[in-house]
């Protein structure tokens, strides 16, 4: 089983899907350059460059998907999906529901996501929480090369639209494109693990909606995805030296969400720490808390998230995004609470404009 980079794993899976199914086509800006091996192998009829118009691109992909193709659409950054959100929110995600399943939109939208390299809040957002809130839309975020290949294959085979998000700090191709291998004056917070891994020559699909336990633990359950998984593993190793046993659950998929894996691990540890690079309000971290309440799992709860607009300056950006230091500090505070044993999952009742301390890794600001 050859060792492969994150980017190579995706390209391998895409080539495998295209070789197996002539309906799979690639559309996007500069894809004949970015996917040049696929362009050389499969030709210009199946690897098509598009104008710089996300709305036109997603609209064309939706129409071709409804007509019988399986397009893989490449949007440079997930932030730019906002330009064409109507195509996903009001059309692709609703086709099957509005037609009683008579029409489908089997399309994959690939996009780079995440920060940690100094590109500011219009290019470094995660947005998987926003997208996962749209019924009918799948959202996956791999953390390893093997999962990147397997989830892409599953997304291509899925009958509905799926957004496939690739964290830029895991992708050598994206880091090189953004100057990450040449900007010697800037330190990039790239996880030691994740960008390379063993991937089969013919990878198998990884079912959407199935989380993976990356690390066993009995004291606290860390729940994350993408780069956050590797931050959690590093934090768990630091905590282990302090006698704290931390489990790490890689969600892999935001929609569908593996409710059983989350609830089961939370029930065994009695403490849950969600590490989410997406925004705090209305996102994945709150969805996990609601899930635990709905499942009746008694657990202490905390989260480390992106709480505000991502700044451009690297020092400020590093303070805003979830990092190992913030994760360790939040876990330590969580360990000062006994594991929850009753039905109350919310802790102290909210009395002011800020969330209670146990819901955030930061103290409330202001009076």
Protein backbone atom coordinates (compact mmCIF):
# COMPACT_ATOMS: atom_id res chain seq x y z
CA UNK A 1 0.00 0.00 0.00
CA UNK A 2 1.92 3.08 -1.21
CA UNK A 3 2.39 6.18 0.94
CA UNK A 4 0.62 9.10 -0.72
CA UNK A 5 0.04 12.79 -0.20
CA UNK A 6 -3.43 14.17 0.45
CA UNK A 7 -3.58 15.76 -3.02
CA UNK A 8 -2.31 12.65 -4.79
CA UNK A 9 -4.92 10.52 -3.02
CA UNK A 10 -7.72 12.75 -4.31
CA UNK A 11 -6.32 12.70 -7.84
CA UNK A 12 -6.02 8.90 -7.69
CA UNK A 13 -9.63 8.51 -6.58
CA UNK A 14 -10.85 10.93 -9.23
CA UNK A 15 -8.99 9.06 -11.97
CA UNK A 16 -10.38 5.75 -10.71
CA UNK A 17 -13.94 7.09 -10.76
CA UNK A 18 -13.49 8.52 -14.26
CA UNK A 19 -12.04 5.26 -15.58
CA UNK A 20 -14.97 3.28 -14.18
CA UNK A 21 -17.78 5.59 -15.17
CA UNK A 22 -17.78 7.67 -18.37
CA UNK A 23 -20.46 9.92 -16.86
CA UNK A 24 -17.93 11.43 -14.43
CA UNK A 25 -16.67 14.76 -15.72
CA UNK A 26 -14.62 17.56 -14.15
CA UNK A 27 -15.52 21.23 -14.43
CA UNK A 28 -13.85 24.27 -12.93
CA UNK A 29 -11.52 27.19 -13.22
CA UNK A 30 -8.07 26.13 -14.48
CA UNK A 31 -8.85 22.42 -14.04
CA UNK A 32 -6.96 21.49 -17.17
CA UNK A 33 -3.88 22.78 -15.36
CA UNK A 34 -4.78 21.63 -11.84
CA UNK A 35 -5.97 18.20 -13.06
CA UNK A 36 -3.55 17.94 -15.96
CA UNK A 37 -2.99 14.19 -15.56
CA UNK A 38 -6.75 13.63 -15.85
CA UNK A 39 -6.87 16.04 -18.80
CA UNK A 40 -4.11 14.13 -20.62
CA UNK A 41 -5.70 10.77 -19.86
CA UNK A 42 -9.40 11.52 -20.42
CA UNK A 43 -9.33 14.47 -22.80
CA UNK A 44 -10.95 17.85 -23.08
CA UNK A 45 -14.50 16.48 -23.31
CA UNK A 46 -14.32 15.28 -19.71
CA UNK A 47 -12.03 17.87 -18.11
CA UNK A 48 -13.48 21.26 -18.92
CA UNK A 49 -12.16 24.69 -17.99
CA UNK A 50 -14.83 27.19 -17.04
CA UNK A 51 -15.05 30.98 -16.92
CA UNK A 52 -14.53 32.70 -13.58
CA UNK A 53 -18.21 32.55 -12.68
CA UNK A 54 -19.21 30.29 -9.80
CA UNK A 55 -22.91 30.76 -10.54
CA UNK A 56 -22.50 29.70 -14.16
CA UNK A 57 -20.28 26.80 -13.14
CA UNK A 58 -22.64 25.36 -10.53
CA UNK A 59 -25.64 26.00 -12.76
CA UNK A 60 -24.03 24.07 -15.61
CA UNK A 61 -23.07 21.27 -13.24
CA UNK A 62 -26.62 21.02 -11.90
CA UNK A 63 -28.11 20.84 -15.37
CA UNK A 64 -25.63 18.22 -16.52
CA UNK A 65 -26.22 16.16 -13.35
CA UNK A 66 -29.98 16.20 -13.93
CA UNK A 67 -29.34 15.18 -17.54
CA UNK A 68 -27.40 12.07 -16.51
CA UNK A 69 -23.77 13.07 -15.94
CA UNK A 70 -21.90 12.97 -12.63
CA UNK A 71 -19.97 16.24 -12.59
CA UNK A 72 -17.19 17.01 -10.13
CA UNK A 73 -17.12 20.78 -9.84
CA UNK A 74 -14.07 22.60 -8.51
CA UNK A 75 -14.56 25.89 -6.67
CA UNK A 76 -11.24 27.41 -5.62
CA UNK A 77 -12.23 28.30 -2.03
CA UNK A 78 -15.37 27.40 -0.14
CA UNK A 79 -15.79 31.12 0.57
CA UNK A 80 -16.64 31.60 -3.11
CA UNK A 81 -19.61 29.25 -2.87
CA UNK A 82 -21.39 32.26 -1.41
CA UNK A 83 -21.42 33.74 -4.90
CA UNK A 84 -23.42 30.76 -6.15
CA UNK A 85 -25.22 29.62 -3.01
CA UNK A 86 -28.59 29.86 -4.76
CA UNK A 87 -27.59 26.99 -7.04
CA UNK A 88 -26.96 24.75 -4.01
CA UNK A 89 -29.49 26.07 -1.50
CA UNK A 90 -32.54 26.49 -3.70
CA UNK A 91 -31.93 24.07 -6.56
CA UNK A 92 -29.44 21.19 -6.27
CA UNK A 93 -30.34 20.35 -2.67
CA UNK A 94 -34.10 20.41 -3.37
CA UNK A 95 -34.42 18.65 -6.72
CA UNK A 96 -35.04 15.19 -5.28
CA UNK A 97 -37.53 16.44 -2.66
CA UNK A 98 -39.49 18.61 -5.06
CA UNK A 99 -39.81 15.85 -7.67
CA UNK A 100 -40.48 12.96 -5.32
CA UNK A 101 -37.16 11.41 -6.29
CA UNK A 102 -37.90 11.40 -10.02
CA UNK A 103 -35.00 13.80 -10.60
CA UNK A 104 -31.62 13.64 -8.89
CA UNK A 105 -28.58 15.90 -8.81
CA UNK A 106 -25.56 13.59 -8.41
CA UNK A 107 -22.87 16.26 -8.34
CA UNK A 108 -19.78 16.85 -6.19
CA UNK A 109 -18.56 20.34 -5.33
CA UNK A 110 -14.89 20.32 -4.39
CA UNK A 111 -13.54 23.32 -2.51
CA UNK A 112 -10.54 24.20 -0.41
CA UNK A 113 -11.30 25.40 3.12
CA UNK A 114 -9.68 26.45 6.36
CA UNK A 115 -7.04 28.87 7.58
CA UNK A 116 -3.67 28.91 9.23
CA UNK A 117 -1.56 30.43 6.47
CA UNK A 118 -2.41 34.15 6.48
CA UNK A 119 -5.10 34.74 3.86
CA UNK A 120 -7.79 36.41 6.01
CA UNK A 121 -11.50 35.92 6.50
CA UNK A 122 -12.63 36.02 2.87
CA UNK A 123 -10.45 33.04 1.91
CA UNK A 124 -9.98 30.96 5.07
CA UNK A 125 -13.44 30.08 6.31
CA UNK A 126 -14.67 26.54 6.97
CA UNK A 127 -18.42 27.07 6.42
CA UNK A 128 -19.25 23.37 6.73
CA UNK A 129 -21.79 24.17 9.43
CA UNK A 130 -23.64 26.59 7.19
CA UNK A 131 -23.67 24.13 4.28
CA UNK A 132 -24.65 21.15 6.45
CA UNK A 133 -27.72 23.05 7.57
CA UNK A 134 -29.20 22.76 4.06
CA UNK A 135 -31.48 19.69 3.79
CA UNK A 136 -30.55 17.47 0.86
CA UNK A 137 -26.91 18.55 0.76
CA UNK A 138 -24.10 16.27 1.90
CA UNK A 139 -20.91 17.73 3.41
CA UNK A 140 -17.69 15.78 3.99
CA UNK A 141 -14.31 16.89 5.39
CA UNK A 142 -11.53 14.27 5.25
CA UNK A 143 -8.53 14.39 7.60
CA UNK A 144 -6.29 11.73 6.03
CA UNK A 145 -5.28 10.81 2.46
CA UNK A 146 -7.07 7.46 2.72
CA UNK A 147 -10.30 9.14 3.77
CA UNK A 148 -9.87 11.82 1.13
CA UNK A 149 -9.80 9.14 -1.56
CA UNK A 150 -12.56 7.02 -0.05
CA UNK A 151 -14.92 9.90 0.70
CA UNK A 152 -14.48 11.35 -2.79
CA UNK A 153 -15.40 8.01 -4.35
CA UNK A 154 -18.47 7.76 -2.12
CA UNK A 155 -19.46 11.35 -2.89
CA UNK A 156 -19.24 10.72 -6.63
CA UNK A 157 -21.41 7.61 -6.28
CA UNK A 158 -23.97 9.39 -4.07
CA UNK A 159 -27.31 10.16 -5.77
CA UNK A 160 -27.44 13.69 -4.38
CA UNK A 161 -25.20 16.76 -4.23
CA UNK A 162 -22.20 16.52 -1.92
CA UNK A 163 -19.76 19.28 -0.94
CA UNK A 164 -16.26 17.85 -0.55
CA UNK A 165 -14.05 20.17 1.52
CA UNK A 166 -10.24 19.91 1.53
CA UNK A 167 -8.35 21.70 4.29
CA UNK A 168 -5.50 23.62 2.70
CA UNK A 169 -3.01 22.80 5.47
CA UNK A 170 -3.31 19.11 4.57
CA UNK A 171 -2.78 19.68 0.87
CA UNK A 172 0.74 20.14 -0.47
CA UNK A 173 -0.74 21.28 -3.75
CA UNK A 174 -2.76 24.03 -2.10
CA UNK A 175 0.08 25.11 0.18
CA UNK A 176 2.40 25.33 -2.80
CA UNK A 177 -0.21 27.29 -4.75
CA UNK A 178 -0.60 29.70 -1.82
CA UNK A 179 3.12 30.08 -1.23
CA UNK A 180 3.31 27.78 1.75
CA UNK A 181 6.50 26.11 0.52
CA UNK A 182 8.23 29.33 -0.49
CA UNK A 183 7.23 31.96 2.10
CA UNK A 184 10.12 31.36 4.45
CA UNK A 185 9.26 34.40 6.55
CA UNK A 186 5.91 32.92 7.62
CA UNK A 187 5.40 29.94 9.92
CA UNK A 188 2.54 27.68 8.88
CA UNK A 189 0.77 25.63 11.55
CA UNK A 190 0.72 22.44 9.51
CA UNK A 191 -0.05 19.22 11.44
CA UNK A 192 2.82 16.77 11.57
CA UNK A 193 0.45 13.99 10.51
CA UNK A 194 -2.34 14.06 7.96
CA UNK A 195 -0.73 15.31 4.78
CA UNK A 196 0.76 11.87 4.04
CA UNK A 197 -0.65 8.40 4.51
CA UNK A 198 -1.08 4.92 3.10
CA UNK A 199 -3.63 4.69 0.29
CA UNK A 200 -4.46 1.60 -1.75
CA UNK A 201 -3.85 1.65 -5.49
CA UNK A 202 -7.60 1.20 -5.88
CA UNK A 203 -9.12 2.78 -2.76
CA UNK A 204 -12.57 1.72 -1.60
CA UNK A 205 -15.39 4.18 -0.93
CA UNK A 206 -15.78 5.39 2.66
CA UNK A 207 -19.47 5.55 3.55
CA UNK A 208 -20.78 9.04 4.21
CA UNK A 209 -21.94 9.63 7.78
CA UNK A 210 -19.58 7.23 9.56
CA UNK A 211 -17.13 8.68 12.05
CA UNK A 212 -13.75 7.12 12.86
CA UNK A 213 -12.21 6.79 16.32
CA UNK A 214 -8.63 8.02 15.91
CA UNK A 215 -7.58 7.64 19.54
CA UNK A 216 -8.98 5.69 22.48
CA UNK A 217 -9.60 7.47 25.77
CA UNK A 218 -11.75 7.28 28.87
CA UNK A 219 -11.75 10.75 30.48
CA UNK A 220 -12.83 13.12 27.72
CA UNK A 221 -14.08 12.75 24.14
CA UNK A 222 -12.63 15.20 21.62
CA UNK A 223 -14.86 15.52 18.55
CA UNK A 224 -13.49 17.18 15.44
CA UNK A 225 -12.81 16.89 11.71
CA UNK A 226 -10.23 17.95 9.11
CA UNK A 227 -7.13 19.58 10.56
CA UNK A 228 -8.83 19.71 13.95
CA UNK A 229 -8.46 15.94 14.29
CA UNK A 230 -4.67 16.23 14.19
CA UNK A 231 -4.72 19.15 16.62
CA UNK A 232 -6.80 16.98 18.98
CA UNK A 233 -4.43 14.03 18.73
CA UNK A 234 -1.49 16.27 19.56
CA UNK A 235 -3.41 17.81 22.46
CA UNK A 236 -4.39 14.34 23.70
CA UNK A 237 -0.74 13.31 23.76
CA UNK A 238 0.12 16.35 25.89
CA UNK A 239 -2.77 15.62 28.24
CA UNK A 240 -1.68 12.01 28.55
CA UNK A 241 1.48 13.20 30.30
CA UNK A 242 -0.79 14.82 32.89
CA UNK A 243 -2.74 11.63 33.45
CA UNK A 244 -5.73 12.58 31.29
CA UNK A 245 -6.98 9.95 28.84
CA UNK A 246 -8.53 11.67 25.82
CA UNK A 247 -10.35 9.97 22.95
CA UNK A 248 -10.41 11.60 19.51
CA UNK A 249 -13.39 11.09 17.20
CA UNK A 250 -13.01 12.11 13.55
CA UNK A 251 -16.48 12.93 12.23
CA UNK A 252 -15.37 12.81 8.57
CA UNK A 253 -18.87 13.85 7.55
CA UNK A 254 -20.93 16.81 8.78
CA UNK A 255 -24.02 15.87 6.79
CA UNK A 256 -24.96 13.16 7.42
CA UNK A 257 -23.68 13.19 11.00
CA UNK A 258 -22.79 10.00 12.86
CA UNK A 259 -25.08 10.54 15.84
CA UNK A 260 -24.50 7.08 17.26
CA UNK A 261 -20.71 7.42 17.38
CA UNK A 262 -20.90 10.81 19.08
CA UNK A 263 -23.49 9.77 21.65
CA UNK A 264 -21.76 6.47 22.36
CA UNK A 265 -18.35 8.01 23.00
CA UNK A 266 -19.87 10.84 25.05
CA UNK A 267 -21.71 8.32 27.20
CA UNK A 268 -18.51 6.40 27.90
CA UNK A 269 -16.41 9.42 28.87
CA UNK A 270 -18.94 11.78 30.45
CA UNK A 271 -17.11 14.77 28.96
CA UNK A 272 -17.20 16.14 25.40
CA UNK A 273 -14.94 18.75 23.83
CA UNK A 274 -15.87 19.82 20.29
CA UNK A 275 -13.01 21.31 18.27
CA UNK A 276 -14.47 23.08 15.26
CA UNK A 277 -12.71 25.52 12.93
CA UNK A 278 -16.10 26.77 11.79
CA UNK A 279 -17.95 29.60 13.53
CA UNK A 280 -19.41 29.20 17.00
CA UNK A 281 -22.95 30.42 16.37
CA UNK A 282 -25.34 28.11 14.54
CA UNK A 283 -22.66 25.61 13.59
CA UNK A 284 -21.44 22.08 14.13
CA UNK A 285 -20.45 22.55 17.77
CA UNK A 286 -23.98 23.58 18.72
CA UNK A 287 -25.42 20.73 16.68
CA UNK A 288 -23.35 18.24 18.68
CA UNK A 289 -24.64 19.74 21.94
CA UNK A 290 -28.23 19.49 20.69
CA UNK A 291 -27.64 15.91 19.57
CA UNK A 292 -26.43 14.93 23.05
CA UNK A 293 -29.48 16.53 24.63
CA UNK A 294 -31.84 14.81 22.22
CA UNK A 295 -30.18 11.44 22.81
CA UNK A 296 -30.40 11.93 26.57
CA UNK A 297 -26.65 11.63 27.10
CA UNK A 298 -25.54 13.22 30.36
CA UNK A 299 -22.18 14.83 29.74
CA UNK A 300 -20.10 17.88 30.58
CA UNK A 301 -19.55 19.91 27.41
CA UNK A 302 -17.09 22.47 26.04
CA UNK A 303 -16.04 23.73 22.63
CA UNK A 304 -13.09 25.37 20.92
CA UNK A 305 -14.19 27.19 17.78
CA UNK A 306 -13.59 30.18 15.53
CA UNK A 307 -15.52 32.87 17.34
CA UNK A 308 -15.03 35.90 15.09
CA UNK A 309 -13.94 37.05 11.65
CA UNK A 310 -10.50 35.64 10.83
CA UNK A 311 -7.89 38.44 10.83
CA UNK A 312 -5.22 38.81 8.15
CA UNK A 313 -2.22 39.22 10.47
CA UNK A 314 -0.77 35.80 11.26
CA UNK A 315 -0.38 36.49 14.99
CA UNK A 316 -4.01 37.53 15.28
CA UNK A 317 -5.17 34.70 13.05
CA UNK A 318 -3.35 32.15 15.21
CA UNK A 319 -5.18 33.44 18.28
CA UNK A 320 -8.60 33.15 16.63
CA UNK A 321 -8.38 29.68 15.07
CA UNK A 322 -8.50 26.51 17.18
CA UNK A 323 -4.99 25.40 18.10
CA UNK A 324 -3.38 22.85 20.38
CA UNK A 325 -2.88 25.29 23.25
CA UNK A 326 -6.56 26.28 23.26
CA UNK A 327 -7.63 22.64 23.09
CA UNK A 328 -5.41 21.60 25.99
CA UNK A 329 -6.59 24.53 28.12
CA UNK A 330 -10.26 23.74 27.42
CA UNK A 331 -9.75 20.07 28.23
CA UNK A 332 -8.06 20.94 31.52
CA UNK A 333 -10.99 23.13 32.51
CA UNK A 334 -13.41 20.41 31.51
CA UNK A 335 -11.55 17.92 33.68
CA UNK A 336 -12.19 20.06 36.76
CA UNK A 337 -15.89 19.16 36.41
CA UNK A 338 -17.13 15.76 37.39
CA UNK A 339 -18.60 13.73 34.53
CA UNK A 340 -22.29 14.58 34.24
CA UNK A 341 -24.67 12.02 35.72
CA UNK A 342 -28.05 13.75 35.38
CA UNK A 343 -30.22 14.88 32.47
CA UNK A 344 -29.11 18.53 32.66
CA UNK A 345 -26.62 19.02 29.79
CA UNK A 346 -26.65 22.79 29.72
CA UNK A 347 -24.92 23.74 32.97
CA UNK A 348 -25.58 27.16 34.55
CA UNK A 349 -28.51 29.04 33.11
CA UNK A 350 -27.45 31.87 30.84
CA UNK A 351 -27.79 35.26 32.54
CA UNK A 352 -26.09 37.70 30.19
CA UNK A 353 -25.15 38.34 26.57
CA UNK A 354 -22.25 35.86 26.63
CA UNK A 355 -22.27 32.03 26.69
CA UNK A 356 -21.55 30.38 30.03
CA UNK A 357 -17.91 29.50 30.60
CA UNK A 358 -18.42 25.78 30.07
CA UNK A 359 -19.62 26.39 26.50
CA UNK A 360 -16.54 28.30 25.38
CA UNK A 361 -12.80 28.10 25.87
CA UNK A 362 -12.63 31.88 26.35
CA UNK A 363 -13.77 34.12 29.16
CA UNK A 364 -16.69 36.40 28.45
CA UNK A 365 -15.71 39.87 27.24
CA UNK A 366 -17.13 43.04 28.61
CA UNK A 367 -19.52 43.47 31.52
